[in-house]
Amino acid sequence: SDSVKGRFTIASDNAKNTVYLQMNRLKSED
């Protein structure tokens, strides 16, 4: 979404069947 682009990164680890959301530069609106 436009609100998180450039701050958040989604990634998958197929071996662990896990998806991550790395959230940086968090704001109160998050």
All heavy atoms as atom14 arrays in JSON, in Angstrom:
{
  "sequence": "SDSVKGRFTIASDNAKNTVYLQMNRLKSED",
  "atom14_mask": [
    [1, 1, 1, 1, 1, 1, 0, 0, 0, 0, 0, 0, 0, 0],
    [1, 1, 1, 1, 1, 1, 1, 1, 0, 0, 0, 0, 0, 0],
    [1, 1, 1, 1, 1, 1, 0, 0, 0, 0, 0, 0, 0, 0],
    [1, 1, 1, 1, 1, 1, 1, 0, 0, 0, 0, 0, 0, 0],
    [1, 1, 1, 1, 1, 1, 1, 1, 1, 0, 0, 0, 0, 0],
    [1, 1, 1, 1, 0, 0, 0, 0, 0, 0, 0, 0, 0, 0],
    [1, 1, 1, 1, 1, 1, 1, 1, 1, 1, 1, 0, 0, 0],
    [1, 1, 1, 1, 1, 1, 1, 1, 1, 1, 1, 0, 0, 0],
    [1, 1, 1, 1, 1, 1, 1, 0, 0, 0, 0, 0, 0, 0],
    [1, 1, 1, 1, 1, 1, 1, 1, 0, 0, 0, 0, 0, 0],
    [1, 1, 1, 1, 1, 0, 0, 0, 0, 0, 0, 0, 0, 0],
    [1, 1, 1, 1, 1, 1, 0, 0, 0, 0, 0, 0, 0, 0],
    [1, 1, 1, 1, 1, 1, 1, 1, 0, 0, 0, 0, 0, 0],
    [1, 1, 1, 1, 1, 1, 1, 1, 0, 0, 0, 0, 0, 0],
    [1, 1, 1, 1, 1, 0, 0, 0, 0, 0, 0, 0, 0, 0],
    [1, 1, 1, 1, 1, 1, 1, 1, 1, 0, 0, 0, 0, 0],
    [1, 1, 1, 1, 1, 1, 1, 1, 0, 0, 0, 0, 0, 0],
    [1, 1, 1, 1, 1, 1, 1, 0, 0, 0, 0, 0, 0, 0],
    [1, 1, 1, 1, 1, 1, 1, 0, 0, 0, 0, 0, 0, 0],
    [1, 1, 1, 1, 1, 1, 1, 1, 1, 1, 1, 1, 0, 0],
    [1, 1, 1, 1, 1, 1, 1, 1, 0, 0, 0, 0, 0, 0],
    [1, 1, 1, 1, 1, 1, 1, 1, 1, 0, 0, 0, 0, 0],
    [1, 1, 1, 1, 1, 1, 1, 1, 0, 0, 0, 0, 0, 0],
    [1, 1, 1, 1, 1, 1, 1, 1, 0, 0, 0, 0, 0, 0],
    [1, 1, 1, 1, 1, 1, 1, 1, 1, 1, 1, 0, 0, 0],
    [1, 1, 1, 1, 1, 1, 1, 1, 0, 0, 0, 0, 0, 0],
    [1, 1, 1, 1, 1, 1, 1, 1, 1, 0, 0, 0, 0, 0],
    [1, 1, 1, 1, 1, 1, 0, 0, 0, 0, 0, 0, 0, 0],
    [1, 1, 1, 1, 1, 1, 1, 1, 1, 0, 0, 0, 0, 0],
    [1, 1, 1, 1, 1, 1, 1, 1, 0, 0, 0, 0, 0, 0]
  ],
  "atom14_positions": [
    [[0.84, -1.18, 0.0], [0.0, 0.0, 0.0], [0.88, 1.25, 0.0], [2.05, 1.21, 0.42], [-0.92, 0.01, 1.21], [-0.19, 0.19, 2.4], [0.0, 0.0, 0.0], [0.0, 0.0, 0.0], [0.0, 0.0, 0.0], [0.0, 0.0, 0.0], [0.0, 0.0, 0.0], [0.0, 0.0, 0.0], [0.0, 0.0, 0.0], [0.0, 0.0, 0.0]],
    [[0.32, 2.37, -0.45], [1.08, 3.61, -0.49], [1.54, 4.04, 0.91], [2.6, 4.65, 1.06], [0.25, 4.72, -1.13], [0.05, 4.53, -2.61], [0.82, 3.77, -3.23], [-0.88, 5.15, -3.17], [0.0, 0.0, 0.0], [0.0, 0.0, 0.0], [0.0, 0.0, 0.0], [0.0, 0.0, 0.0], [0.0, 0.0, 0.0], [0.0, 0.0, 0.0]],
    [[0.76, 3.73, 1.93], [1.07, 4.19, 3.27], [2.31, 3.54, 3.87], [2.91, 4.1, 4.79], [-0.13, 3.98, 4.2], [-0.41, 2.6, 4.36], [0.0, 0.0, 0.0], [0.0, 0.0, 0.0], [0.0, 0.0, 0.0], [0.0, 0.0, 0.0], [0.0, 0.0, 0.0], [0.0, 0.0, 0.0], [0.0, 0.0, 0.0], [0.0, 0.0, 0.0]],
    [[2.7, 2.36, 3.39], [3.85, 1.65, 3.95], [4.99, 1.47, 2.96], [6.08, 1.04, 3.36], [3.45, 0.28, 4.53], [2.29, 0.41, 5.5], [3.13, -0.72, 3.42], [0.0, 0.0, 0.0], [0.0, 0.0, 0.0], [0.0, 0.0, 0.0], [0.0, 0.0, 0.0], [0.0, 0.0, 0.0], [0.0, 0.0, 0.0], [0.0, 0.0, 0.0]],
    [[4.77, 1.79, 1.71], [5.8, 1.59, 0.68], [7.07, 2.36, 1.05], [7.02, 3.54, 1.38], [5.26, 2.04, -0.67], [6.08, 1.58, -1.87], [5.38, 1.94, -3.18], [4.01, 1.28, -3.28], [3.31, 1.61, -4.54], [0.0, 0.0, 0.0], [0.0, 0.0, 0.0], [0.0, 0.0, 0.0], [0.0, 0.0, 0.0], [0.0, 0.0, 0.0]],
    [[8.19, 1.68, 0.99], [9.47, 2.27, 1.35], [9.84, 2.11, 2.81], [11.0, 2.35, 3.17], [0.0, 0.0, 0.0], [0.0, 0.0, 0.0], [0.0, 0.0, 0.0], [0.0, 0.0, 0.0], [0.0, 0.0, 0.0], [0.0, 0.0, 0.0], [0.0, 0.0, 0.0], [0.0, 0.0, 0.0], [0.0, 0.0, 0.0], [0.0, 0.0, 0.0]],
    [[8.88, 1.74, 3.66], [9.15, 1.52, 5.08], [9.04, 0.06, 5.49], [9.78, -0.38, 6.36], [8.18, 2.35, 5.94], [8.29, 3.85, 5.74], [7.47, 4.6, 6.78], [6.04, 4.3, 6.67], [5.28, 3.8, 7.65], [5.83, 3.54, 8.84], [3.99, 3.58, 7.47], [0.0, 0.0, 0.0], [0.0, 0.0, 0.0], [0.0, 0.0, 0.0]],
    [[8.1, -0.67, 4.89], [7.86, -2.06, 5.24], [8.34, -2.97, 4.12], [8.29, -2.6, 2.94], [6.37, -2.33, 5.46], [5.75, -1.66, 6.65], [6.45, -0.75, 7.42], [4.44, -1.96, 7.0], [5.86, -0.13, 8.52], [3.84, -1.35, 8.09], [4.55, -0.44, 8.85], [0.0, 0.0, 0.0], [0.0, 0.0, 0.0], [0.0, 0.0, 0.0]],
    [[8.79, -4.17, 4.48], [9.22, -5.17, 3.51], [8.61, -6.52, 3.87], [8.73, -6.96, 5.02], [10.75, -5.29, 3.47], [11.33, -4.02, 3.16], [11.17, -6.31, 2.41], [0.0, 0.0, 0.0], [0.0, 0.0, 0.0], [0.0, 0.0, 0.0], [0.0, 0.0, 0.0], [0.0, 0.0, 0.0], [0.0, 0.0, 0.0], [0.0, 0.0, 0.0]],
    [[7.96, -7.17, 2.9], [7.42, -8.5, 3.1], [8.36, -9.5, 2.44], [8.9, -9.24, 1.36], [5.99, -8.62, 2.55], [5.36, -9.96, 2.94], [5.94, -8.41, 1.04], [3.86, -10.04, 2.66], [0.0, 0.0, 0.0], [0.0, 0.0, 0.0], [0.0, 0.0, 0.0], [0.0, 0.0, 0.0], [0.0, 0.0, 0.0], [0.0, 0.0, 0.0]],
    [[8.58, -10.64, 3.1], [9.46, -11.67, 2.58], [8.97, -13.03, 3.04], [8.3, -13.14, 4.07], [10.91, -11.44, 3.04], [0.0, 0.0, 0.0], [0.0, 0.0, 0.0], [0.0, 0.0, 0.0], [0.0, 0.0, 0.0], [0.0, 0.0, 0.0], [0.0, 0.0, 0.0], [0.0, 0.0, 0.0], [0.0, 0.0, 0.0], [0.0, 0.0, 0.0]],
    [[9.32, -14.06, 2.29], [8.92, -15.42, 2.63], [10.14, -16.31, 2.83], [11.17, -16.12, 2.18], [8.01, -16.03, 1.56], [8.69, -16.17, 0.33], [0.0, 0.0, 0.0], [0.0, 0.0, 0.0], [0.0, 0.0, 0.0], [0.0, 0.0, 0.0], [0.0, 0.0, 0.0], [0.0, 0.0, 0.0], [0.0, 0.0, 0.0], [0.0, 0.0, 0.0]],
    [[10.02, -17.26, 3.74], [11.01, -18.31, 3.93], [10.27, -19.62, 3.7], [9.61, -20.13, 4.6], [11.62, -18.24, 5.32], [12.74, -19.24, 5.52], [12.79, -20.26, 4.81], [13.59, -18.99, 6.41], [0.0, 0.0, 0.0], [0.0, 0.0, 0.0], [0.0, 0.0, 0.0], [0.0, 0.0, 0.0], [0.0, 0.0, 0.0], [0.0, 0.0, 0.0]],
    [[10.38, -20.15, 2.48], [9.59, -21.33, 2.12], [9.99, -22.56, 2.94], [9.15, -23.41, 3.24], [9.74, -21.62, 0.64], [9.05, -20.6, -0.23], [8.36, -19.7, 0.26], [9.21, -20.72, -1.55], [0.0, 0.0, 0.0], [0.0, 0.0, 0.0], [0.0, 0.0, 0.0], [0.0, 0.0, 0.0], [0.0, 0.0, 0.0], [0.0, 0.0, 0.0]],
    [[11.26, -22.66, 3.3], [11.72, -23.81, 4.09], [11.06, -23.84, 5.46], [10.86, -24.92, 6.03], [13.24, -23.78, 4.23], [0.0, 0.0, 0.0], [0.0, 0.0, 0.0], [0.0, 0.0, 0.0], [0.0, 0.0, 0.0], [0.0, 0.0, 0.0], [0.0, 0.0, 0.0], [0.0, 0.0, 0.0], [0.0, 0.0, 0.0], [0.0, 0.0, 0.0]],
    [[10.74, -22.68, 6.01], [10.09, -22.59, 7.31], [8.59, -22.36, 7.23], [7.93, -22.25, 8.27], [10.72, -21.46, 8.13], [12.19, -21.68, 8.47], [12.72, -20.54, 9.32], [14.17, -20.78, 9.71], [14.71, -19.67, 10.54], [0.0, 0.0, 0.0], [0.0, 0.0, 0.0], [0.0, 0.0, 0.0], [0.0, 0.0, 0.0], [0.0, 0.0, 0.0]],
    [[8.05, -22.27, 6.0], [6.63, -21.96, 5.81], [6.21, -20.73, 6.61], [5.19, -20.72, 7.3], [5.75, -23.16, 6.16], [5.74, -24.23, 5.08], [6.22, -24.03, 3.97], [5.17, -25.38, 5.41], [0.0, 0.0, 0.0], [0.0, 0.0, 0.0], [0.0, 0.0, 0.0], [0.0, 0.0, 0.0], [0.0, 0.0, 0.0], [0.0, 0.0, 0.0]],
    [[7.01, -19.68, 6.5], [6.79, -18.47, 7.28], [6.94, -17.25, 6.38], [7.83, -17.19, 5.54], [7.78, -18.38, 8.45], [7.61, -19.52, 9.3], [7.54, -17.12, 9.27], [0.0, 0.0, 0.0], [0.0, 0.0, 0.0], [0.0, 0.0, 0.0], [0.0, 0.0, 0.0], [0.0, 0.0, 0.0], [0.0, 0.0, 0.0], [0.0, 0.0, 0.0]],
    [[6.05, -16.27, 6.57], [6.12, -14.98, 5.91], [6.39, -13.91, 6.97], [5.79, -13.94, 8.05], [4.83, -14.67, 5.13], [4.83, -13.23, 4.63], [4.69, -15.63, 3.96], [0.0, 0.0, 0.0], [0.0, 0.0, 0.0], [0.0, 0.0, 0.0], [0.0, 0.0, 0.0], [0.0, 0.0, 0.0], [0.0, 0.0, 0.0], [0.0, 0.0, 0.0]],
    [[7.29, -12.99, 6.66], [7.68, -11.94, 7.58], [7.24, -10.57, 7.06], [7.15, -10.34, 5.86], [9.2, -11.93, 7.78], [9.75, -13.24, 8.27], [10.28, -14.17, 7.38], [9.74, -13.55, 9.62], [10.79, -15.38, 7.82], [10.25, -14.76, 10.07], [10.77, -15.67, 9.17], [11.27, -16.86, 9.62], [0.0, 0.0, 0.0], [0.0, 0.0, 0.0]],
    [[7.0, -9.66, 7.99], [6.79, -8.26, 7.66], [7.76, -7.44, 8.49], [7.59, -7.3, 9.71], [5.35, -7.83, 7.93], [5.01, -6.39, 7.52], [5.04, -6.25, 5.99], [3.65, -5.97, 8.06], [0.0, 0.0, 0.0], [0.0, 0.0, 0.0], [0.0, 0.0, 0.0], [0.0, 0.0, 0.0], [0.0, 0.0, 0.0], [0.0, 0.0, 0.0]],
    [[8.81, -6.93, 7.84], [9.77, -6.06, 8.5], [9.25, -4.63, 8.44], [9.06, -4.08, 7.35], [11.14, -6.15, 7.83], [12.21, -5.25, 8.44], [12.56, -5.65, 9.86], [12.77, -6.82, 10.14], [12.61, -4.67, 10.75], [0.0, 0.0, 0.0], [0.0, 0.0, 0.0], [0.0, 0.0, 0.0], [0.0, 0.0, 0.0], [0.0, 0.0, 0.0]],
    [[9.01, -4.03, 9.59], [8.43, -2.69, 9.69], [9.48, -1.75, 10.25], [9.93, -1.9, 11.38], [7.19, -2.7, 10.57], [6.13, -3.71, 10.13], [4.6, -3.56, 11.09], [5.19, -4.07, 12.7], [0.0, 0.0, 0.0], [0.0, 0.0, 0.0], [0.0, 0.0, 0.0], [0.0, 0.0, 0.0], [0.0, 0.0, 0.0], [0.0, 0.0, 0.0]],
    [[9.88, -0.76, 9.44], [10.88, 0.23, 9.83], [10.26, 1.61, 9.85], [9.25, 1.87, 9.2], [12.06, 0.2, 8.87], [12.8, -1.11, 8.86], [12.93, -1.78, 9.89], [13.31, -1.5, 7.69], [0.0, 0.0, 0.0], [0.0, 0.0, 0.0], [0.0, 0.0, 0.0], [0.0, 0.0, 0.0], [0.0, 0.0, 0.0], [0.0, 0.0, 0.0]],
    [[10.91, 2.51, 10.59], [10.46, 3.91, 10.68], [8.98, 3.99, 11.01], [8.2, 4.67, 10.33], [10.79, 4.67, 9.38], [12.28, 4.96, 9.22], [12.6, 5.56, 7.87], [12.75, 4.51, 6.86], [12.18, 4.52, 5.67], [11.42, 5.53, 5.3], [12.38, 3.52, 4.84], [0.0, 0.0, 0.0], [0.0, 0.0, 0.0], [0.0, 0.0, 0.0]],
    [[8.6, 3.28, 12.06], [7.2, 3.2, 12.45], [6.67, 4.56, 12.9], [7.38, 5.36, 13.51], [7.03, 2.17, 13.56], [7.07, 0.72, 13.08], [7.4, -0.22, 14.23], [5.73, 0.34, 12.45], [0.0, 0.0, 0.0], [0.0, 0.0, 0.0], [0.0, 0.0, 0.0], [0.0, 0.0, 0.0], [0.0, 0.0, 0.0], [0.0, 0.0, 0.0]],
    [[5.4, 4.79, 12.58], [4.69, 6.0, 12.93], [3.52, 5.68, 13.86], [3.05, 4.54, 13.88], [4.14, 6.69, 11.67], [5.17, 6.97, 10.59], [4.48, 7.5, 9.35], [5.47, 7.78, 8.24], [4.79, 8.28, 7.01], [0.0, 0.0, 0.0], [0.0, 0.0, 0.0], [0.0, 0.0, 0.0], [0.0, 0.0, 0.0], [0.0, 0.0, 0.0]],
    [[3.04, 6.67, 14.58], [1.89, 6.45, 15.44], [0.68, 5.97, 14.64], [-0.14, 5.19, 15.16], [1.54, 7.72, 16.21], [1.22, 8.79, 15.34], [0.0, 0.0, 0.0], [0.0, 0.0, 0.0], [0.0, 0.0, 0.0], [0.0, 0.0, 0.0], [0.0, 0.0, 0.0], [0.0, 0.0, 0.0], [0.0, 0.0, 0.0], [0.0, 0.0, 0.0]],
    [[0.56, 6.38, 13.39], [-0.54, 5.95, 12.53], [-0.5, 4.46, 12.21], [-1.49, 3.92, 11.71], [-0.54, 6.75, 11.22], [-0.58, 8.25, 11.4], [0.8, 8.87, 11.36], [1.48, 8.84, 12.41], [1.19, 9.39, 10.29], [0.0, 0.0, 0.0], [0.0, 0.0, 0.0], [0.0, 0.0, 0.0], [0.0, 0.0, 0.0], [0.0, 0.0, 0.0]],
    [[0.63, 3.8, 12.45], [0.74, 2.36, 12.22], [0.14, 1.53, 13.35], [0.04, 0.3, 13.23], [2.2, 1.95, 12.03], [2.84, 2.6, 10.82], [2.18, 2.68, 9.76], [4.01, 3.03, 10.93], [0.0, 0.0, 0.0], [0.0, 0.0, 0.0], [0.0, 0.0, 0.0], [0.0, 0.0, 0.0], [0.0, 0.0, 0.0], [0.0, 0.0, 0.0]]
  ]
}
